[in-house]
Amino acid sequence: MNAITTVINQIGYQAFYRPIYNALLLLYGLFEEAVSMGVVIVVFAVLLRLILLPLSLMQNISPALRSDVDQAIRAIQEKYPNNPEMEKKLTRKLLGENTGSLIASMLTLLIQTIVFYALYLVFTQGVQDETGKALYQSVEQPIQVNYVWLKKIDIRSPHQFLTLLTAFLIFIRTTLNIFVDLRSTRRQDKFLQYFLPVGAYMLLIRVPAALSIFIITIMTFSIAIMIIREIAGFIAKNFTAEPQADDTTERLGLFPDSVMPVDDDGTKQTQDVQVEQR
């Protein structure tokens, strides 16, 4: 058991702790130690989000298309209340066509979670390593690290205001998600709208403020991207020269002959599923 624990700790040290530790010190050195580590965390978070930007854009390429899929799923449920097999088949087809968005969303969340955990290790164990064993050869150990952000916030300790601000931004992010995503009207998503901010507050109030700074930057970037994407989708939907089809299923091509809805007697339907436009 001790051997397994040692291996796990070593993997976490080499795969998570050392890369983030050296990345922070490298950025700190680029600023010639003229800024605090808090600024370095903000820059690091922005760079991370820029790297993950293609994945973020894949998550919801078209707000209008996302809405169409939601409406089509509801139409399928209404049309086949007594045919759960057909309902599942058509729903799986819709979700299967959007697998790339789901994978991108999960991958983005996974990477950010790993970085968050690595930052936790760095700031609980200390950024300055007297032995220098955690440093890569290309990274120099700074003589002194400035942990004071905005002249009065020690990012090594929990901070009440930053924790509250983080929880508030998470609430704003989940609320915006409900506003633009019809699927989030479900009861469990409404629950998460309040549970996530409260859970984040209870967690972050016990850890270094550096983690709150990281999440604040991530959330701000995410909210900005969401607003820009929704504005672009609104403009494209309402001010494009070419008129869009009124039938959601026609735009999506949901029901080709191979998956045409069928009645309980096995005959194919010729009437398209009509959905109410948003």
Protein backbone atom coordinates (compact mmCIF):
# COMPACT_ATOMS: atom_id res chain seq x y z
CA MET A 1 0.00 0.00 0.00
CA ASN A 2 2.83 2.39 0.83
CA ALA A 3 4.45 1.62 -2.51
CA ILE A 4 1.24 2.48 -4.38
CA THR A 5 0.90 5.74 -2.42
CA THR A 6 4.50 6.63 -3.22
CA VAL A 7 3.95 6.00 -6.93
CA ILE A 8 0.77 8.11 -6.96
CA ASN A 9 2.50 10.96 -5.14
CA GLN A 10 5.43 10.81 -7.54
CA ILE A 11 3.12 10.91 -10.57
CA GLY A 12 1.29 13.91 -9.10
CA TYR A 13 4.59 15.62 -8.35
CA GLN A 14 6.07 15.10 -11.82
CA ALA A 15 2.91 15.51 -13.89
CA PHE A 16 1.13 18.32 -12.03
CA TYR A 17 3.24 20.07 -9.41
CA ARG A 18 6.54 20.57 -11.27
CA PRO A 19 5.09 21.88 -14.58
CA ILE A 20 2.86 24.47 -12.86
CA TYR A 21 5.56 25.37 -10.34
CA ASN A 22 8.09 26.04 -13.08
CA ALA A 23 5.59 27.85 -15.31
CA LEU A 24 4.78 30.30 -12.50
CA LEU A 25 8.44 30.96 -11.71
CA LEU A 26 9.24 31.34 -15.41
CA LEU A 27 6.52 33.99 -15.81
CA TYR A 28 7.64 35.64 -12.58
CA GLY A 29 11.18 35.85 -13.93
CA LEU A 30 9.98 37.34 -17.23
CA PHE A 31 8.53 40.26 -15.29
CA GLU A 32 11.94 40.65 -13.63
CA GLU A 33 10.29 40.25 -10.23
CA ALA A 34 8.69 43.68 -10.61
CA VAL A 35 5.19 42.35 -9.99
CA SER A 36 3.54 40.14 -7.39
CA MET A 37 2.79 36.47 -7.82
CA GLY A 38 -0.90 37.45 -7.95
CA VAL A 39 -0.34 39.20 -11.29
CA VAL A 40 1.54 36.15 -12.52
CA ILE A 41 -1.45 33.95 -11.69
CA VAL A 42 -3.76 36.26 -13.66
CA VAL A 43 -1.43 36.14 -16.68
CA PHE A 44 -1.08 32.38 -16.33
CA ALA A 45 -4.87 31.90 -16.22
CA VAL A 46 -5.38 34.11 -19.30
CA LEU A 47 -2.72 32.17 -21.23
CA LEU A 48 -4.37 28.90 -20.22
CA ARG A 49 -7.76 30.10 -21.43
CA LEU A 50 -6.27 31.28 -24.71
CA ILE A 51 -4.73 27.84 -25.21
CA LEU A 52 -8.11 26.23 -24.46
CA LEU A 53 -10.04 28.74 -26.56
CA PRO A 54 -10.51 26.39 -29.55
CA LEU A 55 -12.05 23.81 -27.22
CA SER A 56 -14.28 26.47 -25.68
CA LEU A 57 -15.53 27.53 -29.10
CA MET A 58 -16.28 23.91 -29.96
CA GLN A 59 -18.56 23.56 -26.96
CA ASN A 60 -21.25 25.82 -28.40
CA ILE A 61 -20.42 26.76 -31.97
CA SER A 62 -23.93 27.96 -32.76
CA PRO A 63 -26.36 29.17 -30.10
CA ALA A 64 -29.20 28.95 -32.64
CA LEU A 65 -28.33 25.34 -33.45
CA ARG A 66 -28.15 24.47 -29.76
CA SER A 67 -31.62 25.91 -29.27
CA ASP A 68 -32.90 23.97 -32.27
CA VAL A 69 -31.61 20.71 -30.82
CA ASP A 70 -33.31 21.44 -27.50
CA GLN A 71 -36.59 22.16 -29.24
CA ALA A 72 -36.29 19.04 -31.37
CA ILE A 73 -35.73 16.87 -28.28
CA ARG A 74 -38.88 18.27 -26.70
CA ALA A 75 -40.78 17.68 -29.94
CA ILE A 76 -39.64 14.05 -30.00
CA GLN A 77 -40.76 13.58 -26.40
CA GLU A 78 -44.16 15.09 -27.18
CA LYS A 79 -44.64 13.08 -30.39
CA TYR A 80 -43.66 9.69 -28.92
CA PRO A 81 -44.87 9.67 -25.30
CA ASN A 82 -45.87 6.01 -25.66
CA ASN A 83 -42.89 4.89 -27.72
CA PRO A 84 -39.83 5.20 -25.45
CA GLU A 85 -37.67 3.11 -27.79
CA MET A 86 -38.13 5.52 -30.71
CA GLU A 87 -37.73 8.49 -28.37
CA LYS A 88 -34.39 7.15 -27.12
CA LYS A 89 -33.25 6.32 -30.66
CA LEU A 90 -33.89 9.80 -32.04
CA THR A 91 -32.50 11.50 -28.93
CA ARG A 92 -29.30 9.45 -29.16
CA LYS A 93 -28.98 10.49 -32.79
CA LEU A 94 -29.24 14.16 -31.85
CA LEU A 95 -26.74 13.87 -29.02
CA GLY A 96 -24.43 11.73 -31.12
CA GLU A 97 -24.19 14.44 -33.73
CA ASN A 98 -23.00 16.81 -31.00
CA THR A 99 -20.42 14.47 -29.44
CA GLY A 100 -17.56 16.82 -30.31
CA SER A 101 -19.09 19.59 -28.22
CA LEU A 102 -19.49 17.27 -25.24
CA ILE A 103 -15.89 15.99 -25.47
CA ALA A 104 -14.55 19.54 -25.76
CA SER A 105 -16.52 20.61 -22.69
CA MET A 106 -15.29 17.66 -20.61
CA LEU A 107 -11.68 18.10 -21.75
CA THR A 108 -11.69 21.81 -20.91
CA LEU A 109 -13.10 21.12 -17.45
CA LEU A 110 -10.58 18.31 -16.85
CA ILE A 111 -7.57 20.45 -17.78
CA GLN A 112 -8.70 23.36 -15.62
CA THR A 113 -9.35 21.01 -12.69
CA ILE A 114 -5.85 19.54 -12.99
CA VAL A 115 -4.32 23.02 -13.07
CA PHE A 116 -6.40 24.05 -10.06
CA TYR A 117 -5.15 21.02 -8.12
CA ALA A 118 -1.55 21.75 -9.14
CA LEU A 119 -1.89 25.36 -7.98
CA TYR A 120 -3.25 24.09 -4.67
CA LEU A 121 -0.16 21.92 -4.26
CA VAL A 122 2.17 24.77 -5.20
CA PHE A 123 0.73 27.33 -2.80
CA THR A 124 0.22 24.96 0.11
CA GLN A 125 3.72 23.53 -0.16
CA GLY A 126 5.38 26.83 -1.01
CA VAL A 127 6.63 28.43 -4.23
CA GLN A 128 10.21 28.84 -3.08
CA ASP A 129 12.05 25.51 -3.02
CA GLU A 130 15.26 25.86 -1.07
CA THR A 131 16.68 22.63 -2.48
CA GLY A 132 15.92 23.55 -6.09
CA LYS A 133 14.96 19.95 -6.89
CA ALA A 134 11.60 20.97 -8.35
CA LEU A 135 13.16 23.41 -10.81
CA TYR A 136 13.80 22.61 -14.44
CA GLN A 137 17.29 23.46 -15.66
CA SER A 138 16.00 26.33 -17.79
CA VAL A 139 14.20 28.02 -14.87
CA GLU A 140 15.97 30.10 -12.25
CA GLN A 141 14.93 30.33 -8.63
CA PRO A 142 14.04 33.96 -7.77
CA ILE A 143 15.82 35.50 -4.81
CA GLN A 144 12.52 36.52 -3.26
CA VAL A 145 8.88 36.06 -4.27
CA ASN A 146 6.37 38.84 -3.69
CA TYR A 147 3.13 37.25 -2.50
CA VAL A 148 1.32 40.53 -1.79
CA TRP A 149 -1.29 41.40 -4.43
CA LEU A 150 -2.86 44.84 -4.74
CA LYS A 151 -0.55 45.99 -1.93
CA LYS A 152 -2.50 44.26 0.85
CA ILE A 153 -3.66 40.76 -0.12
CA ASP A 154 -1.39 37.89 0.83
CA ILE A 155 -2.27 35.27 -1.75
CA ARG A 156 -0.88 32.48 0.45
CA SER A 157 -3.76 32.91 2.89
CA PRO A 158 -7.54 32.69 2.41
CA HIS A 159 -9.26 35.98 1.62
CA GLN A 160 -12.93 36.65 2.38
CA PHE A 161 -13.64 39.19 -0.37
CA LEU A 162 -11.92 37.21 -3.13
CA THR A 163 -13.82 34.10 -2.07
CA LEU A 164 -17.14 35.96 -2.22
CA LEU A 165 -16.24 37.45 -5.61
CA THR A 166 -15.40 33.98 -6.93
CA ALA A 167 -18.74 32.58 -5.75
CA PHE A 168 -20.57 35.55 -7.30
CA LEU A 169 -18.88 35.06 -10.69
CA ILE A 170 -19.70 31.35 -10.64
CA PHE A 171 -23.33 32.28 -9.98
CA ILE A 172 -23.29 34.75 -12.89
CA ARG A 173 -21.75 32.11 -15.17
CA THR A 174 -24.33 29.45 -14.31
CA THR A 175 -27.17 31.98 -14.58
CA LEU A 176 -26.01 33.03 -18.04
CA ASN A 177 -25.83 29.38 -19.01
CA ILE A 178 -29.47 28.93 -17.98
CA PHE A 179 -30.43 32.04 -19.93
CA VAL A 180 -28.86 30.92 -23.21
CA ASP A 181 -29.33 27.16 -22.89
CA LEU A 182 -32.87 25.86 -22.77
CA ARG A 183 -31.69 22.54 -21.38
CA SER A 184 -30.72 24.32 -18.15
CA THR A 185 -34.36 24.89 -17.23
CA ARG A 186 -34.32 21.44 -15.68
CA ARG A 187 -34.72 21.30 -11.90
CA GLN A 188 -31.27 19.83 -11.28
CA ASP A 189 -29.61 22.63 -13.26
CA LYS A 190 -31.53 25.20 -11.27
CA PHE A 191 -30.17 23.48 -8.16
CA LEU A 192 -26.60 23.72 -9.47
CA GLN A 193 -27.10 27.43 -10.10
CA TYR A 194 -27.03 27.95 -6.33
CA PHE A 195 -25.14 24.87 -5.16
CA LEU A 196 -21.98 25.57 -7.18
CA PRO A 197 -21.40 29.10 -5.79
CA VAL A 198 -22.07 27.97 -2.22
CA GLY A 199 -19.84 24.91 -2.63
CA ALA A 200 -17.07 27.03 -4.16
CA TYR A 201 -17.24 29.47 -1.25
CA MET A 202 -17.04 26.71 1.35
CA LEU A 203 -14.02 25.23 -0.41
CA LEU A 204 -12.08 28.40 -1.23
CA ILE A 205 -12.52 30.03 2.18
CA ARG A 206 -10.08 27.41 3.49
CA VAL A 207 -7.37 27.56 0.80
CA PRO A 208 -4.85 30.19 -0.39
CA ALA A 209 -6.31 33.24 -2.13
CA ALA A 210 -4.16 32.40 -5.16
CA LEU A 211 -6.76 29.79 -6.12
CA SER A 212 -9.55 32.37 -5.93
CA ILE A 213 -7.55 34.68 -8.20
CA PHE A 214 -7.14 31.85 -10.69
CA ILE A 215 -10.88 31.03 -10.75
CA ILE A 216 -11.87 34.71 -10.90
CA THR A 217 -9.74 35.13 -14.02
CA ILE A 218 -11.08 31.91 -15.57
CA MET A 219 -14.71 32.88 -14.86
CA THR A 220 -14.26 36.42 -16.17
CA PHE A 221 -12.73 35.10 -19.38
CA SER A 222 -15.49 32.49 -19.73
CA ILE A 223 -18.28 35.03 -19.18
CA ALA A 224 -16.74 37.39 -21.73
CA ILE A 225 -16.49 34.61 -24.33
CA MET A 226 -20.09 33.54 -23.69
CA ILE A 227 -21.42 37.10 -24.07
CA ILE A 228 -19.44 37.70 -27.26
CA ARG A 229 -20.58 34.36 -28.72
CA GLU A 230 -24.24 35.01 -27.91
CA ILE A 231 -24.10 38.51 -29.39
CA ALA A 232 -22.49 37.12 -32.54
CA GLY A 233 -25.16 34.41 -32.73
CA PHE A 234 -27.95 36.97 -32.28
CA ILE A 235 -26.54 39.17 -35.04
CA ALA A 236 -26.08 36.20 -37.38
CA LYS A 237 -29.61 34.95 -36.72
CA ASN A 238 -31.42 38.27 -37.05
CA PHE A 239 -29.38 40.30 -39.52
CA THR A 240 -28.17 37.79 -42.11
CA ALA A 241 -29.21 38.37 -45.70
CA GLU A 242 -30.38 34.81 -46.32
CA PRO A 243 -33.64 33.85 -44.60
CA GLN A 244 -33.46 30.80 -42.39
CA ALA A 245 -35.83 27.88 -42.61
CA ASP A 246 -38.72 27.94 -40.19
CA ASP A 247 -38.66 24.21 -39.53
CA THR A 248 -36.09 23.21 -36.94
CA THR A 249 -35.87 19.66 -38.21
CA GLU A 250 -35.31 20.91 -41.75
CA ARG A 251 -32.35 23.04 -40.65
CA LEU A 252 -30.83 20.22 -38.68
CA GLY A 253 -31.67 17.42 -41.06
CA LEU A 254 -32.70 15.37 -38.06
CA PHE A 255 -34.82 12.75 -39.73
CA PRO A 256 -33.29 11.32 -42.90
CA ASP A 257 -34.93 8.22 -44.34
CA SER A 258 -32.72 5.92 -42.28
CA VAL A 259 -34.07 7.29 -39.01
CA MET A 260 -37.51 8.58 -40.09
CA PRO A 261 -39.90 8.47 -37.12
CA VAL A 262 -42.21 5.50 -37.22
CA ASP A 263 -45.59 4.78 -35.71
CA ASP A 264 -46.18 1.96 -33.30
CA ASP A 265 -47.19 -0.25 -36.25
CA GLY A 266 -43.76 0.24 -37.86
CA THR A 267 -44.80 2.56 -40.74
CA LYS A 268 -42.68 5.62 -41.46
CA GLN A 269 -44.00 9.08 -40.77
CA THR A 270 -43.98 11.56 -43.62
CA GLN A 271 -44.82 14.57 -41.53
CA ASP A 272 -41.91 16.47 -40.07
CA VAL A 273 -41.72 17.14 -36.37
CA GLN A 274 -42.82 20.72 -35.97
CA VAL A 275 -41.37 22.65 -33.10
CA GLU A 276 -42.17 25.97 -31.68
CA GLN A 277 -39.58 28.59 -32.53
CA ARG A 278 -37.82 30.34 -29.74
